[in-house]
Amino acid sequence: MTENSKPTLRERKHARTRLALMRAATERLEKAPLAEIAVKEVCAAAEVSEATFFNYFATKNELLDYYLQLWLLELAWGASRSEAWGLVLIGQLFDRVAKQFQQRPGLMAEIIAHQARQREKSALPELSAIERRLAFPEATGIEDFAAVGLDKLWLGALQQAIEAGELPPNTHLPTVMVSLVSVFYGVPLALRQGNSAAITGMYRQQLALLWAGVRVAAQSKVAV
């Protein structure tokens, strides 16, 4: 962000209010699901009126979409700064998500439930440069960073793994992507919220099984 693009007072206030509402809601998700959290309660915590809330978010669910956009931005930013690539990078991404499940199990469980309820992939809200800077003040340059979703992060890492010989050249990427999604959502659901500490180890086991299965399947194709 340059001096010429310095945000106005209105833009800074807008960003702070959106972030305050999102944070007030996500803090309460550790104690109750979103359906049981009243807009009035979120507004009281953020010190804004209910009318103000609906100037920023049409529904409570949009708070989750907003958090999800920030979460994906942070994951993509971290991946872009990592020296890891290929299967190691995918493992790091899963480890990071597992840690977040341990730190905020209620919020992460609600995110999974929110994603499962959606019949089709919704367009996530755009993040302004000032929102990015306020949300992640230590991430220099994040206001101009082009964030991507988990699917693109995984796909890029899988292609690196194939090029480096970590996975066979005839690996069927669409199938592997479906498997990654299944592991990503399935492990937390299977372990449930009360056993979030086990997510890291189970993620690692499931990924190891997946890579082994991909290699065996590729050899079978060659043999045929």
C-alpha atoms as a PDB file:
ATOM      1  CA  MET A   1       0.000   0.000   0.000  1.00  0.00           C
ATOM      2  CA  THR A   2       1.518   3.320  -1.074  1.00  0.00           C
ATOM      3  CA  GLU A   3       1.012   6.789   0.371  1.00  0.00           C
ATOM      4  CA  ASN A   4      -1.187   7.595  -2.607  1.00  0.00           C
ATOM      5  CA  SER A   5      -3.500   4.725  -1.730  1.00  0.00           C
ATOM      6  CA  LYS A   6      -3.603   5.460   2.005  1.00  0.00           C
ATOM      7  CA  PRO A   7      -7.076   4.494   3.285  1.00  0.00           C
ATOM      8  CA  THR A   8      -9.491   7.194   4.333  1.00  0.00           C
ATOM      9  CA  LEU A   9     -10.926   7.490   7.823  1.00  0.00           C
ATOM     10  CA  ARG A  10     -14.194   5.990   6.572  1.00  0.00           C
ATOM     11  CA  GLU A  11     -12.358   3.020   5.047  1.00  0.00           C
ATOM     12  CA  ARG A  12     -10.445   2.393   8.282  1.00  0.00           C
ATOM     13  CA  LYS A  13     -13.635   2.599  10.334  1.00  0.00           C
ATOM     14  CA  HIS A  14     -15.393   0.231   7.944  1.00  0.00           C
ATOM     15  CA  ALA A  15     -12.576  -2.306   8.206  1.00  0.00           C
ATOM     16  CA  ARG A  16     -12.360  -2.077  12.003  1.00  0.00           C
ATOM     17  CA  THR A  17     -16.101  -2.554  12.375  1.00  0.00           C
ATOM     18  CA  ARG A  18     -16.211  -5.590  10.106  1.00  0.00           C
ATOM     19  CA  LEU A  19     -13.302  -7.172  11.942  1.00  0.00           C
ATOM     20  CA  ALA A  20     -14.785  -6.362  15.345  1.00  0.00           C
ATOM     21  CA  LEU A  21     -18.097  -7.992  14.453  1.00  0.00           C
ATOM     22  CA  MET A  22     -16.384 -11.065  13.046  1.00  0.00           C
ATOM     23  CA  ARG A  23     -14.153 -11.439  16.100  1.00  0.00           C
ATOM     24  CA  ALA A  24     -17.072 -11.002  18.498  1.00  0.00           C
ATOM     25  CA  ALA A  25     -18.965 -13.755  16.711  1.00  0.00           C
ATOM     26  CA  THR A  26     -16.074 -16.195  16.398  1.00  0.00           C
ATOM     27  CA  GLU A  27     -15.187 -15.835  20.088  1.00  0.00           C
ATOM     28  CA  ARG A  28     -18.716 -16.909  20.986  1.00  0.00           C
ATOM     29  CA  LEU A  29     -18.579 -19.915  18.694  1.00  0.00           C
ATOM     30  CA  GLU A  30     -16.382 -21.650  21.277  1.00  0.00           C
ATOM     31  CA  LYS A  31     -19.398 -21.839  23.575  1.00  0.00           C
ATOM     32  CA  ALA A  32     -22.376 -22.143  21.229  1.00  0.00           C
ATOM     33  CA  PRO A  33     -23.212 -22.787  17.563  1.00  0.00           C
ATOM     34  CA  LEU A  34     -23.962 -19.813  15.351  1.00  0.00           C
ATOM     35  CA  ALA A  35     -27.682 -20.634  15.310  1.00  0.00           C
ATOM     36  CA  GLU A  36     -27.838 -19.979  19.067  1.00  0.00           C
ATOM     37  CA  ILE A  37     -25.887 -16.713  18.967  1.00  0.00           C
ATOM     38  CA  ALA A  38     -28.070 -13.623  18.643  1.00  0.00           C
ATOM     39  CA  VAL A  39     -27.081 -10.707  16.453  1.00  0.00           C
ATOM     40  CA  LYS A  40     -27.844  -8.499  19.438  1.00  0.00           C
ATOM     41  CA  GLU A  41     -25.210 -10.335  21.487  1.00  0.00           C
ATOM     42  CA  VAL A  42     -22.570  -9.941  18.777  1.00  0.00           C
ATOM     43  CA  CYS A  43     -23.378  -6.239  18.433  1.00  0.00           C
ATOM     44  CA  ALA A  44     -23.113  -5.669  22.176  1.00  0.00           C
ATOM     45  CA  ALA A  45     -19.659  -7.270  22.242  1.00  0.00           C
ATOM     46  CA  ALA A  46     -18.505  -5.208  19.233  1.00  0.00           C
ATOM     47  CA  GLU A  47     -20.154  -2.066  20.643  1.00  0.00           C
ATOM     48  CA  VAL A  48     -22.246  -1.301  17.575  1.00  0.00           C
ATOM     49  CA  SER A  49     -25.980  -1.171  16.929  1.00  0.00           C
ATOM     50  CA  GLU A  50     -27.963  -3.907  15.230  1.00  0.00           C
ATOM     51  CA  ALA A  51     -28.695  -1.500  12.394  1.00  0.00           C
ATOM     52  CA  THR A  52     -24.950  -1.118  11.915  1.00  0.00           C
ATOM     53  CA  PHE A  53     -24.512  -4.887  11.840  1.00  0.00           C
ATOM     54  CA  PHE A  54     -26.889  -5.207   8.893  1.00  0.00           C
ATOM     55  CA  ASN A  55     -25.053  -2.461   7.055  1.00  0.00           C
ATOM     56  CA  TYR A  56     -22.049  -4.805   7.017  1.00  0.00           C
ATOM     57  CA  PHE A  57     -23.529  -8.303   6.926  1.00  0.00           C
ATOM     58  CA  ALA A  58     -26.889  -9.399   5.535  1.00  0.00           C
ATOM     59  CA  THR A  59     -26.995 -12.531   7.727  1.00  0.00           C
ATOM     60  CA  LYS A  60     -25.026 -14.170  10.523  1.00  0.00           C
ATOM     61  CA  ASN A  61     -23.738 -16.720   8.012  1.00  0.00           C
ATOM     62  CA  GLU A  62     -21.890 -13.969   6.180  1.00  0.00           C
ATOM     63  CA  LEU A  63     -19.730 -13.603   9.284  1.00  0.00           C
ATOM     64  CA  LEU A  64     -18.473 -17.130   8.661  1.00  0.00           C
ATOM     65  CA  ASP A  65     -17.816 -16.380   4.995  1.00  0.00           C
ATOM     66  CA  TYR A  66     -15.844 -13.322   6.062  1.00  0.00           C
ATOM     67  CA  TYR A  67     -13.801 -15.306   8.565  1.00  0.00           C
ATOM     68  CA  LEU A  68     -13.238 -18.024   5.974  1.00  0.00           C
ATOM     69  CA  GLN A  69     -11.827 -15.495   3.511  1.00  0.00           C
ATOM     70  CA  LEU A  70      -9.393 -14.184   6.125  1.00  0.00           C
ATOM     71  CA  TRP A  71      -8.468 -17.730   7.135  1.00  0.00           C
ATOM     72  CA  LEU A  72      -7.725 -18.758   3.541  1.00  0.00           C
ATOM     73  CA  LEU A  73      -5.681 -15.596   3.034  1.00  0.00           C
ATOM     74  CA  GLU A  74      -3.569 -16.422   6.094  1.00  0.00           C
ATOM     75  CA  LEU A  75      -3.048 -20.030   4.973  1.00  0.00           C
ATOM     76  CA  ALA A  76      -2.037 -18.988   1.452  1.00  0.00           C
ATOM     77  CA  TRP A  77       0.263 -16.293   2.820  1.00  0.00           C
ATOM     78  CA  GLY A  78       1.978 -18.786   5.108  1.00  0.00           C
ATOM     79  CA  ALA A  79       2.385 -21.285   2.277  1.00  0.00           C
ATOM     80  CA  SER A  80       3.934 -18.646   0.016  1.00  0.00           C
ATOM     81  CA  ARG A  81       6.540 -17.877   2.682  1.00  0.00           C
ATOM     82  CA  SER A  82       7.394 -21.510   3.354  1.00  0.00           C
ATOM     83  CA  GLU A  83      10.443 -23.155   1.853  1.00  0.00           C
ATOM     84  CA  ALA A  84       8.512 -26.426   1.702  1.00  0.00           C
ATOM     85  CA  TRP A  85       6.983 -27.715  -1.506  1.00  0.00           C
ATOM     86  CA  GLY A  86       5.225 -30.820  -2.820  1.00  0.00           C
ATOM     87  CA  LEU A  87       3.968 -33.345  -0.290  1.00  0.00           C
ATOM     88  CA  VAL A  88       5.805 -31.638   2.572  1.00  0.00           C
ATOM     89  CA  LEU A  89       3.906 -28.420   1.891  1.00  0.00           C
ATOM     90  CA  ILE A  90       0.588 -30.271   1.908  1.00  0.00           C
ATOM     91  CA  GLY A  91       1.577 -31.864   5.205  1.00  0.00           C
ATOM     92  CA  GLN A  92       2.411 -28.449   6.647  1.00  0.00           C
ATOM     93  CA  LEU A  93      -0.966 -27.067   5.594  1.00  0.00           C
ATOM     94  CA  PHE A  94      -2.773 -29.948   7.277  1.00  0.00           C
ATOM     95  CA  ASP A  95      -0.638 -29.553  10.417  1.00  0.00           C
ATOM     96  CA  ARG A  96      -1.495 -25.871  10.571  1.00  0.00           C
ATOM     97  CA  VAL A  97      -5.212 -26.539  10.241  1.00  0.00           C
ATOM     98  CA  ALA A  98      -4.980 -29.268  12.902  1.00  0.00           C
ATOM     99  CA  LYS A  99      -3.382 -26.760  15.283  1.00  0.00           C
ATOM    100  CA  GLN A 100      -6.247 -24.359  14.659  1.00  0.00           C
ATOM    101  CA  PHE A 101      -8.717 -27.125  15.489  1.00  0.00           C
ATOM    102  CA  GLN A 102      -6.937 -27.570  18.812  1.00  0.00           C
ATOM    103  CA  GLN A 103      -6.911 -23.841  19.549  1.00  0.00           C
ATOM    104  CA  ARG A 104     -10.473 -23.057  18.430  1.00  0.00           C
ATOM    105  CA  PRO A 105     -12.447 -26.292  18.098  1.00  0.00           C
ATOM    106  CA  GLY A 106     -15.864 -24.634  18.253  1.00  0.00           C
ATOM    107  CA  LEU A 107     -15.104 -22.175  15.490  1.00  0.00           C
ATOM    108  CA  MET A 108     -13.514 -24.745  13.204  1.00  0.00           C
ATOM    109  CA  ALA A 109     -16.393 -27.180  13.742  1.00  0.00           C
ATOM    110  CA  GLU A 110     -18.827 -24.431  12.782  1.00  0.00           C
ATOM    111  CA  ILE A 111     -16.821 -23.657   9.632  1.00  0.00           C
ATOM    112  CA  ILE A 112     -17.044 -27.314   8.548  1.00  0.00           C
ATOM    113  CA  ALA A 113     -20.771 -27.404   9.268  1.00  0.00           C
ATOM    114  CA  HIS A 114     -21.246 -24.154   7.353  1.00  0.00           C
ATOM    115  CA  GLN A 115     -19.409 -25.556   4.327  1.00  0.00           C
ATOM    116  CA  ALA A 116     -21.453 -28.770   4.458  1.00  0.00           C
ATOM    117  CA  ARG A 117     -24.748 -26.851   4.534  1.00  0.00           C
ATOM    118  CA  GLN A 118     -23.963 -24.963   1.342  1.00  0.00           C
ATOM    119  CA  ARG A 119     -25.458 -26.559  -1.751  1.00  0.00           C
ATOM    120  CA  GLU A 120     -22.994 -24.799  -3.998  1.00  0.00           C
ATOM    121  CA  LYS A 121     -19.743 -22.935  -3.520  1.00  0.00           C
ATOM    122  CA  SER A 122     -20.493 -19.348  -2.617  1.00  0.00           C
ATOM    123  CA  ALA A 123     -18.460 -16.335  -3.639  1.00  0.00           C
ATOM    124  CA  LEU A 124     -16.461 -15.122  -0.648  1.00  0.00           C
ATOM    125  CA  PRO A 125     -16.412 -11.400   0.211  1.00  0.00           C
ATOM    126  CA  GLU A 126     -13.583  -9.272  -1.090  1.00  0.00           C
ATOM    127  CA  LEU A 127     -11.034  -8.064   1.434  1.00  0.00           C
ATOM    128  CA  SER A 128      -9.804  -4.507   1.227  1.00  0.00           C
ATOM    129  CA  ALA A 129      -6.139  -3.661   1.677  1.00  0.00           C
ATOM    130  CA  ILE A 130      -6.811  -2.023   5.043  1.00  0.00           C
ATOM    131  CA  GLU A 131      -8.763  -5.059   6.281  1.00  0.00           C
ATOM    132  CA  ARG A 132      -5.838  -7.286   5.385  1.00  0.00           C
ATOM    133  CA  ARG A 133      -3.367  -4.996   7.147  1.00  0.00           C
ATOM    134  CA  LEU A 134      -5.480  -4.695  10.299  1.00  0.00           C
ATOM    135  CA  ALA A 135      -6.170  -8.416  10.450  1.00  0.00           C
ATOM    136  CA  PHE A 136      -2.517  -9.388   9.955  1.00  0.00           C
ATOM    137  CA  PRO A 137      -0.386  -6.395  10.988  1.00  0.00           C
ATOM    138  CA  GLU A 138       2.875  -8.384  11.020  1.00  0.00           C
ATOM    139  CA  ALA A 139       2.482  -9.750   7.485  1.00  0.00           C
ATOM    140  CA  THR A 140       4.334  -7.176   5.401  1.00  0.00           C
ATOM    141  CA  GLY A 141       2.831  -6.806   1.933  1.00  0.00           C
ATOM    142  CA  ILE A 142      -0.224  -8.983   2.610  1.00  0.00           C
ATOM    143  CA  GLU A 143      -2.518  -6.175   1.472  1.00  0.00           C
ATOM    144  CA  ASP A 144      -1.396  -6.838  -2.134  1.00  0.00           C
ATOM    145  CA  PHE A 145      -1.088 -10.610  -1.872  1.00  0.00           C
ATOM    146  CA  ALA A 146      -3.190 -12.643  -4.328  1.00  0.00           C
ATOM    147  CA  ALA A 147      -4.806 -15.255  -2.106  1.00  0.00           C
ATOM    148  CA  VAL A 148      -5.958 -18.619  -3.447  1.00  0.00           C
ATOM    149  CA  GLY A 149      -8.192 -21.315  -2.026  1.00  0.00           C
ATOM    150  CA  LEU A 150      -7.078 -24.568  -0.463  1.00  0.00           C
ATOM    151  CA  ASP A 151      -7.888 -26.464  -3.636  1.00  0.00           C
ATOM    152  CA  LYS A 152      -5.397 -24.400  -5.662  1.00  0.00           C
ATOM    153  CA  LEU A 153      -2.765 -24.667  -2.937  1.00  0.00           C
ATOM    154  CA  TRP A 154      -3.139 -28.447  -2.909  1.00  0.00           C
ATOM    155  CA  LEU A 155      -3.176 -28.725  -6.690  1.00  0.00           C
ATOM    156  CA  GLY A 156      -0.002 -26.693  -7.072  1.00  0.00           C
ATOM    157  CA  ALA A 157       1.773 -28.781  -4.423  1.00  0.00           C
ATOM    158  CA  LEU A 158       0.622 -32.026  -6.076  1.00  0.00           C
ATOM    159  CA  GLN A 159       1.993 -30.907  -9.423  1.00  0.00           C
ATOM    160  CA  GLN A 160       5.314 -30.119  -7.732  1.00  0.00           C
ATOM    161  CA  ALA A 161       5.287 -33.586  -6.169  1.00  0.00           C
ATOM    162  CA  ILE A 162       4.800 -35.209  -9.568  1.00  0.00           C
ATOM    163  CA  GLU A 163       7.554 -33.126 -11.166  1.00  0.00           C
ATOM    164  CA  ALA A 164       9.949 -34.058  -8.336  1.00  0.00           C
ATOM    165  CA  GLY A 165       9.116 -37.758  -8.485  1.00  0.00           C
ATOM    166  CA  GLU A 166       7.366 -37.850  -5.098  1.00  0.00           C
ATOM    167  CA  LEU A 167       4.268 -39.087  -6.889  1.00  0.00           C
ATOM    168  CA  PRO A 168       4.054 -41.075 -10.148  1.00  0.00           C
ATOM    169  CA  PRO A 169       3.641 -39.139 -13.405  1.00  0.00           C
ATOM    170  CA  ASN A 170       0.336 -40.916 -14.116  1.00  0.00           C
ATOM    171  CA  THR A 171      -1.222 -39.765 -10.836  1.00  0.00           C
ATOM    172  CA  HIS A 172      -4.878 -38.919 -11.398  1.00  0.00           C
ATOM    173  CA  LEU A 173      -5.077 -35.463  -9.829  1.00  0.00           C
ATOM    174  CA  PRO A 174      -8.899 -35.125  -9.666  1.00  0.00           C
ATOM    175  CA  THR A 175      -9.098 -38.349  -7.656  1.00  0.00           C
ATOM    176  CA  VAL A 176      -6.336 -37.239  -5.293  1.00  0.00           C
ATOM    177  CA  MET A 177      -8.026 -33.865  -4.803  1.00  0.00           C
ATOM    178  CA  VAL A 178     -11.271 -35.588  -3.790  1.00  0.00           C
ATOM    179  CA  SER A 179      -9.300 -37.729  -1.345  1.00  0.00           C
ATOM    180  CA  LEU A 180      -7.649 -34.668   0.190  1.00  0.00           C
ATOM    181  CA  VAL A 181     -11.025 -33.009   0.707  1.00  0.00           C
ATOM    182  CA  SER A 182     -12.319 -36.216   2.300  1.00  0.00           C
ATOM    183  CA  VAL A 183      -9.381 -36.340   4.712  1.00  0.00           C
ATOM    184  CA  PHE A 184      -9.574 -32.615   5.459  1.00  0.00           C
ATOM    185  CA  TYR A 185     -13.234 -32.680   6.485  1.00  0.00           C
ATOM    186  CA  GLY A 186     -13.606 -36.334   7.437  1.00  0.00           C
ATOM    187  CA  VAL A 187     -10.939 -36.573  10.155  1.00  0.00           C
ATOM    188  CA  PRO A 188     -12.359 -33.772  12.361  1.00  0.00           C
ATOM    189  CA  LEU A 189     -15.881 -35.148  11.910  1.00  0.00           C
ATOM    190  CA  ALA A 190     -14.777 -38.666  12.807  1.00  0.00           C
ATOM    191  CA  LEU A 191     -12.845 -37.572  15.895  1.00  0.00           C
ATOM    192  CA  ARG A 192     -15.436 -35.043  16.975  1.00  0.00           C
ATOM    193  CA  GLN A 193     -14.827 -31.824  18.829  1.00  0.00           C
ATOM    194  CA  GLY A 194     -13.850 -33.455  22.120  1.00  0.00           C
ATOM    195  CA  ASN A 195     -10.770 -35.132  20.651  1.00  0.00           C
ATOM    196  CA  SER A 196      -9.211 -32.284  18.662  1.00  0.00           C
ATOM    197  CA  ALA A 197      -5.736 -33.055  20.028  1.00  0.00           C
ATOM    198  CA  ALA A 198      -5.681 -36.253  17.954  1.00  0.00           C
ATOM    199  CA  ILE A 199      -6.336 -34.487  14.648  1.00  0.00           C
ATOM    200  CA  THR A 200      -2.671 -33.814  13.854  1.00  0.00           C
ATOM    201  CA  GLY A 201      -1.631 -37.449  14.169  1.00  0.00           C
ATOM    202  CA  MET A 202      -4.661 -38.722  12.287  1.00  0.00           C
ATOM    203  CA  TYR A 203      -4.143 -36.236   9.459  1.00  0.00           C
ATOM    204  CA  ARG A 204      -0.553 -37.442   9.093  1.00  0.00           C
ATOM    205  CA  GLN A 205      -1.583 -41.107   9.092  1.00  0.00           C
ATOM    206  CA  GLN A 206      -4.314 -40.550   6.522  1.00  0.00           C
ATOM    207  CA  LEU A 207      -2.001 -38.575   4.239  1.00  0.00           C
ATOM    208  CA  ALA A 208       0.661 -41.286   4.459  1.00  0.00           C
ATOM    209  CA  LEU A 209      -1.952 -43.881   3.500  1.00  0.00           C
ATOM    210  CA  LEU A 210      -3.158 -41.681   0.648  1.00  0.00           C
ATOM    211  CA  TRP A 211       0.317 -41.227  -0.865  1.00  0.00           C
ATOM    212  CA  ALA A 212       1.030 -44.948  -0.552  1.00  0.00           C
ATOM    213  CA  GLY A 213      -2.275 -45.751  -2.226  1.00  0.00           C
ATOM    214  CA  VAL A 214      -1.610 -43.309  -5.070  1.00  0.00           C
ATOM    215  CA  ARG A 215       1.739 -44.966  -5.773  1.00  0.00           C
ATOM    216  CA  VAL A 216       0.271 -48.482  -5.713  1.00  0.00           C
ATOM    217  CA  ALA A 217      -2.599 -47.447  -7.983  1.00  0.00           C
ATOM    218  CA  ALA A 218      -0.176 -45.875 -10.450  1.00  0.00           C
ATOM    219  CA  GLN A 219       1.938 -49.048 -10.559  1.00  0.00           C
ATOM    220  CA  SER A 220      -1.186 -51.112 -11.188  1.00  0.00           C
ATOM    221  CA  LYS A 221      -2.061 -48.958 -14.186  1.00  0.00           C
ATOM    222  CA  VAL A 222       1.412 -49.417 -15.606  1.00  0.00           C
ATOM    223  CA  ALA A 223       1.242 -53.199 -15.099  1.00  0.00           C
ATOM    224  CA  VAL A 224      -2.075 -53.407 -16.917  1.00  0.00           C
END
